């Protein structure tokens, strides 16, 4: 074997694999530094990952986008997606139509959990909407439903339109 092949960037030493396997085994048994679906065993997690795992956004990319647009703040300062979240942090998430969701982090996890378990990761401190806000939202929904463009005309409607355009 050539002596230079070991120094190649494509070569992975078996020692590195052994070390990583030992670390994985150690984490799996002790549960201290690893993340195997347990809540609260991790010191900190990326903000975008936590928002996705806690089911506050549907996908991680959606959470990243919200962070990049400045819609998520941790402890009063706007946060980027790579910022670490710790237990006790207070998040403020800007939602559509000027609403703000206030959340306190109670637990951390790096792997996806069931929605019921994910709700245990945070405490929602968002105040209840006032009756006026509820009425405004209802009116907005009605307005949007009326203002949406009609669907594509079906065959009978297309024939009627052609007749009207031709003057028949």
C-alpha atoms as a PDB file:
ATOM      1  CA  UNK A   1       0.000   0.000   0.000  1.00  0.00           C
ATOM      2  CA  UNK A   2       1.232   3.491  -0.763  1.00  0.00           C
ATOM      3  CA  UNK A   3       2.267   5.628   2.119  1.00  0.00           C
ATOM      4  CA  UNK A   4       0.547   8.721   0.674  1.00  0.00           C
ATOM      5  CA  UNK A   5      -2.888   7.094   0.477  1.00  0.00           C
ATOM      6  CA  UNK A   6      -3.432   7.384   4.228  1.00  0.00           C
ATOM      7  CA  UNK A   7      -2.988  11.133   4.146  1.00  0.00           C
ATOM      8  CA  UNK A   8      -5.572  11.472   1.416  1.00  0.00           C
ATOM      9  CA  UNK A   9      -8.658  13.478   2.345  1.00  0.00           C
ATOM     10  CA  UNK A  10     -10.840  10.530   1.275  1.00  0.00           C
ATOM     11  CA  UNK A  11      -9.268   8.118   3.719  1.00  0.00           C
ATOM     12  CA  UNK A  12     -11.000   7.654   7.066  1.00  0.00           C
ATOM     13  CA  UNK A  13      -9.006   6.051   9.803  1.00  0.00           C
ATOM     14  CA  UNK A  14     -10.578   3.138  11.649  1.00  0.00           C
ATOM     15  CA  UNK A  15      -9.677   4.871  14.913  1.00  0.00           C
ATOM     16  CA  UNK A  16     -12.096   7.697  14.118  1.00  0.00           C
ATOM     17  CA  UNK A  17     -14.896   5.199  13.536  1.00  0.00           C
ATOM     18  CA  UNK A  18     -14.094   3.359  16.748  1.00  0.00           C
ATOM     19  CA  UNK A  19     -14.164   6.598  18.708  1.00  0.00           C
ATOM     20  CA  UNK A  20     -17.471   7.691  17.260  1.00  0.00           C
ATOM     21  CA  UNK A  21     -18.987   4.245  17.907  1.00  0.00           C
ATOM     22  CA  UNK A  22     -17.818   4.342  21.502  1.00  0.00           C
ATOM     23  CA  UNK A  23     -19.301   7.800  21.958  1.00  0.00           C
ATOM     24  CA  UNK A  24     -22.586   6.680  20.442  1.00  0.00           C
ATOM     25  CA  UNK A  25     -22.697   3.611  22.662  1.00  0.00           C
ATOM     26  CA  UNK A  26     -21.898   5.699  25.704  1.00  0.00           C
ATOM     27  CA  UNK A  27     -24.620   8.230  24.856  1.00  0.00           C
ATOM     28  CA  UNK A  28     -27.176   5.525  24.196  1.00  0.00           C
ATOM     29  CA  UNK A  29     -26.670   3.847  27.542  1.00  0.00           C
ATOM     30  CA  UNK A  30     -26.190   6.897  29.758  1.00  0.00           C
ATOM     31  CA  UNK A  31     -28.483   9.318  27.900  1.00  0.00           C
ATOM     32  CA  UNK A  32     -26.507  12.330  29.066  1.00  0.00           C
ATOM     33  CA  UNK A  33     -25.153  13.948  25.919  1.00  0.00           C
ATOM     34  CA  UNK A  34     -27.080  12.050  23.272  1.00  0.00           C
ATOM     35  CA  UNK A  35     -30.493  12.668  21.840  1.00  0.00           C
ATOM     36  CA  UNK A  36     -32.579   9.570  21.395  1.00  0.00           C
ATOM     37  CA  UNK A  37     -36.008  11.134  21.739  1.00  0.00           C
ATOM     38  CA  UNK A  38     -35.539  12.030  25.395  1.00  0.00           C
ATOM     39  CA  UNK A  39     -36.594  15.470  26.554  1.00  0.00           C
ATOM     40  CA  UNK A  40     -34.271  17.713  28.507  1.00  0.00           C
ATOM     41  CA  UNK A  41     -31.013  15.765  28.058  1.00  0.00           C
ATOM     42  CA  UNK A  42     -29.509  18.283  25.633  1.00  0.00           C
ATOM     43  CA  UNK A  43     -27.755  21.483  26.714  1.00  0.00           C
ATOM     44  CA  UNK A  44     -28.873  23.569  23.732  1.00  0.00           C
ATOM     45  CA  UNK A  45     -30.445  23.131  20.292  1.00  0.00           C
ATOM     46  CA  UNK A  46     -30.505  25.288  17.156  1.00  0.00           C
ATOM     47  CA  UNK A  47     -33.492  27.626  17.089  1.00  0.00           C
ATOM     48  CA  UNK A  48     -34.817  26.481  13.697  1.00  0.00           C
ATOM     49  CA  UNK A  49     -34.601  22.820  14.739  1.00  0.00           C
ATOM     50  CA  UNK A  50     -36.387  23.453  18.022  1.00  0.00           C
ATOM     51  CA  UNK A  51     -39.199  25.441  16.354  1.00  0.00           C
ATOM     52  CA  UNK A  52     -39.763  22.540  13.959  1.00  0.00           C
ATOM     53  CA  UNK A  53     -39.589  19.846  16.667  1.00  0.00           C
ATOM     54  CA  UNK A  54     -41.933  21.808  18.962  1.00  0.00           C
ATOM     55  CA  UNK A  55     -44.442  21.980  16.064  1.00  0.00           C
ATOM     56  CA  UNK A  56     -44.502  25.785  16.076  1.00  0.00           C
ATOM     57  CA  UNK A  57     -43.683  25.674  12.330  1.00  0.00           C
ATOM     58  CA  UNK A  58     -44.540  22.895   9.890  1.00  0.00           C
ATOM     59  CA  UNK A  59     -41.013  22.471   8.532  1.00  0.00           C
ATOM     60  CA  UNK A  60     -37.490  23.442   9.511  1.00  0.00           C
ATOM     61  CA  UNK A  61     -37.093  25.463   6.316  1.00  0.00           C
ATOM     62  CA  UNK A  62     -40.222  27.437   7.234  1.00  0.00           C
ATOM     63  CA  UNK A  63     -38.721  28.095  10.680  1.00  0.00           C
ATOM     64  CA  UNK A  64     -35.418  29.182   9.090  1.00  0.00           C
ATOM     65  CA  UNK A  65     -37.231  31.560   6.776  1.00  0.00           C
ATOM     66  CA  UNK A  66     -39.135  33.132   9.686  1.00  0.00           C
ATOM     67  CA  UNK A  67     -35.888  33.592  11.642  1.00  0.00           C
ATOM     68  CA  UNK A  68     -34.105  35.158   8.663  1.00  0.00           C
ATOM     69  CA  UNK A  69     -36.994  37.597   8.179  1.00  0.00           C
ATOM     70  CA  UNK A  70     -36.739  38.662  11.842  1.00  0.00           C
ATOM     71  CA  UNK A  71     -40.079  37.173  12.933  1.00  0.00           C
ATOM     72  CA  UNK A  72     -38.592  35.276  15.888  1.00  0.00           C
ATOM     73  CA  UNK A  73     -37.023  36.941  18.932  1.00  0.00           C
ATOM     74  CA  UNK A  74     -35.315  35.277  21.901  1.00  0.00           C
ATOM     75  CA  UNK A  75     -35.335  37.218  25.181  1.00  0.00           C
ATOM     76  CA  UNK A  76     -36.184  40.440  23.328  1.00  0.00           C
ATOM     77  CA  UNK A  77     -33.523  40.274  20.588  1.00  0.00           C
ATOM     78  CA  UNK A  78     -34.107  39.120  17.016  1.00  0.00           C
ATOM     79  CA  UNK A  79     -32.543  35.684  16.511  1.00  0.00           C
ATOM     80  CA  UNK A  80     -30.942  33.973  13.534  1.00  0.00           C
ATOM     81  CA  UNK A  81     -31.706  30.298  12.769  1.00  0.00           C
ATOM     82  CA  UNK A  82     -28.362  29.027  14.102  1.00  0.00           C
ATOM     83  CA  UNK A  83     -28.773  30.568  17.542  1.00  0.00           C
ATOM     84  CA  UNK A  84     -28.911  28.095  20.412  1.00  0.00           C
ATOM     85  CA  UNK A  85     -32.077  27.773  22.471  1.00  0.00           C
ATOM     86  CA  UNK A  86     -31.794  26.909  26.165  1.00  0.00           C
ATOM     87  CA  UNK A  87     -34.381  25.977  28.776  1.00  0.00           C
ATOM     88  CA  UNK A  88     -35.963  29.133  30.208  1.00  0.00           C
ATOM     89  CA  UNK A  89     -35.598  31.257  27.056  1.00  0.00           C
ATOM     90  CA  UNK A  90     -38.583  33.433  26.179  1.00  0.00           C
ATOM     91  CA  UNK A  91     -39.513  33.471  22.492  1.00  0.00           C
ATOM     92  CA  UNK A  92     -41.714  35.974  20.698  1.00  0.00           C
ATOM     93  CA  UNK A  93     -42.982  34.770  17.322  1.00  0.00           C
ATOM     94  CA  UNK A  94     -44.673  37.193  14.920  1.00  0.00           C
ATOM     95  CA  UNK A  95     -47.686  35.587  13.274  1.00  0.00           C
ATOM     96  CA  UNK A  96     -49.872  36.825  10.383  1.00  0.00           C
ATOM     97  CA  UNK A  97     -52.254  39.777  10.872  1.00  0.00           C
ATOM     98  CA  UNK A  98     -50.066  41.390  13.542  1.00  0.00           C
ATOM     99  CA  UNK A  99     -50.469  38.675  16.181  1.00  0.00           C
ATOM    100  CA  UNK A 100     -47.577  37.733  18.475  1.00  0.00           C
ATOM    101  CA  UNK A 101     -47.129  34.319  20.059  1.00  0.00           C
ATOM    102  CA  UNK A 102     -45.253  34.325  23.378  1.00  0.00           C
ATOM    103  CA  UNK A 103     -43.548  31.063  24.310  1.00  0.00           C
ATOM    104  CA  UNK A 104     -41.291  29.924  27.178  1.00  0.00           C
ATOM    105  CA  UNK A 105     -38.926  27.006  26.505  1.00  0.00           C
ATOM    106  CA  UNK A 106     -39.450  24.194  29.042  1.00  0.00           C
ATOM    107  CA  UNK A 107     -37.513  21.372  27.376  1.00  0.00           C
ATOM    108  CA  UNK A 108     -35.194  20.543  24.491  1.00  0.00           C
ATOM    109  CA  UNK A 109     -35.057  17.684  22.001  1.00  0.00           C
ATOM    110  CA  UNK A 110     -33.091  17.128  18.797  1.00  0.00           C
ATOM    111  CA  UNK A 111     -35.334  14.451  17.304  1.00  0.00           C
ATOM    112  CA  UNK A 112     -38.946  14.735  16.226  1.00  0.00           C
ATOM    113  CA  UNK A 113     -41.576  13.844  18.792  1.00  0.00           C
ATOM    114  CA  UNK A 114     -45.284  13.204  18.673  1.00  0.00           C
ATOM    115  CA  UNK A 115     -47.300  16.417  18.673  1.00  0.00           C
ATOM    116  CA  UNK A 116     -48.634  15.782  22.189  1.00  0.00           C
ATOM    117  CA  UNK A 117     -45.086  15.311  23.515  1.00  0.00           C
ATOM    118  CA  UNK A 118     -43.836  18.311  21.534  1.00  0.00           C
ATOM    119  CA  UNK A 119     -46.331  20.560  23.338  1.00  0.00           C
ATOM    120  CA  UNK A 120     -44.549  19.696  26.590  1.00  0.00           C
ATOM    121  CA  UNK A 121     -41.406  21.428  25.277  1.00  0.00           C
ATOM    122  CA  UNK A 122     -42.909  24.897  25.718  1.00  0.00           C
ATOM    123  CA  UNK A 123     -45.452  26.951  27.632  1.00  0.00           C
ATOM    124  CA  UNK A 124     -47.659  29.189  25.517  1.00  0.00           C
ATOM    125  CA  UNK A 125     -48.065  32.554  27.272  1.00  0.00           C
ATOM    126  CA  UNK A 126     -49.988  34.231  24.431  1.00  0.00           C
ATOM    127  CA  UNK A 127     -52.895  36.283  25.831  1.00  0.00           C
ATOM    128  CA  UNK A 128     -56.409  35.300  24.773  1.00  0.00           C
ATOM    129  CA  UNK A 129     -57.806  37.407  21.898  1.00  0.00           C
ATOM    130  CA  UNK A 130     -60.333  40.081  22.806  1.00  0.00           C
ATOM    131  CA  UNK A 131     -63.878  39.881  21.370  1.00  0.00           C
ATOM    132  CA  UNK A 132     -63.027  42.784  19.029  1.00  0.00           C
ATOM    133  CA  UNK A 133     -60.015  40.894  17.630  1.00  0.00           C
ATOM    134  CA  UNK A 134     -62.140  37.793  17.090  1.00  0.00           C
ATOM    135  CA  UNK A 135     -64.741  39.852  15.194  1.00  0.00           C
ATOM    136  CA  UNK A 136     -62.058  41.522  13.046  1.00  0.00           C
ATOM    137  CA  UNK A 137     -60.591  38.104  12.157  1.00  0.00           C
ATOM    138  CA  UNK A 138     -64.044  36.775  11.249  1.00  0.00           C
ATOM    139  CA  UNK A 139     -64.748  39.766   8.996  1.00  0.00           C
ATOM    140  CA  UNK A 140     -61.312  39.427   7.392  1.00  0.00           C
ATOM    141  CA  UNK A 141     -61.986  35.753   6.610  1.00  0.00           C
ATOM    142  CA  UNK A 142     -65.345  36.615   5.040  1.00  0.00           C
ATOM    143  CA  UNK A 143     -63.774  39.418   2.982  1.00  0.00           C
ATOM    144  CA  UNK A 144     -60.949  37.169   1.758  1.00  0.00           C
ATOM    145  CA  UNK A 145     -63.392  34.424   0.795  1.00  0.00           C
ATOM    146  CA  UNK A 146     -65.462  36.915  -1.242  1.00  0.00           C
ATOM    147  CA  UNK A 147     -62.410  38.574  -2.822  1.00  0.00           C
ATOM    148  CA  UNK A 148     -60.747  35.386  -4.065  1.00  0.00           C
ATOM    149  CA  UNK A 149     -60.915  34.988  -7.818  1.00  0.00           C
ATOM    150  CA  UNK A 150     -63.443  32.478  -9.142  1.00  0.00           C
ATOM    151  CA  UNK A 151     -62.267  29.070 -10.240  1.00  0.00           C
ATOM    152  CA  UNK A 152     -61.557  28.199 -13.851  1.00  0.00           C
ATOM    153  CA  UNK A 153     -64.793  28.068 -15.881  1.00  0.00           C
ATOM    154  CA  UNK A 154     -66.107  24.617 -16.676  1.00  0.00           C
ATOM    155  CA  UNK A 155     -67.124  23.451 -20.153  1.00  0.00           C
ATOM    156  CA  UNK A 156     -70.648  24.925 -20.112  1.00  0.00           C
ATOM    157  CA  UNK A 157     -69.404  28.283 -18.826  1.00  0.00           C
ATOM    158  CA  UNK A 158     -66.661  28.397 -21.500  1.00  0.00           C
ATOM    159  CA  UNK A 159     -69.256  27.755 -24.240  1.00  0.00           C
ATOM    160  CA  UNK A 160     -71.484  30.507 -22.843  1.00  0.00           C
ATOM    161  CA  UNK A 161     -68.536  32.923 -22.789  1.00  0.00           C
ATOM    162  CA  UNK A 162     -67.676  32.074 -26.411  1.00  0.00           C
ATOM    163  CA  UNK A 163     -71.276  32.735 -27.481  1.00  0.00           C
ATOM    164  CA  UNK A 164     -71.272  36.071 -25.701  1.00  0.00           C
ATOM    165  CA  UNK A 165     -67.975  37.094 -27.313  1.00  0.00           C
ATOM    166  CA  UNK A 166     -69.180  36.090 -30.815  1.00  0.00           C
ATOM    167  CA  UNK A 167     -72.491  37.806 -30.329  1.00  0.00           C
ATOM    168  CA  UNK A 168     -74.684  34.720 -30.891  1.00  0.00           C
END
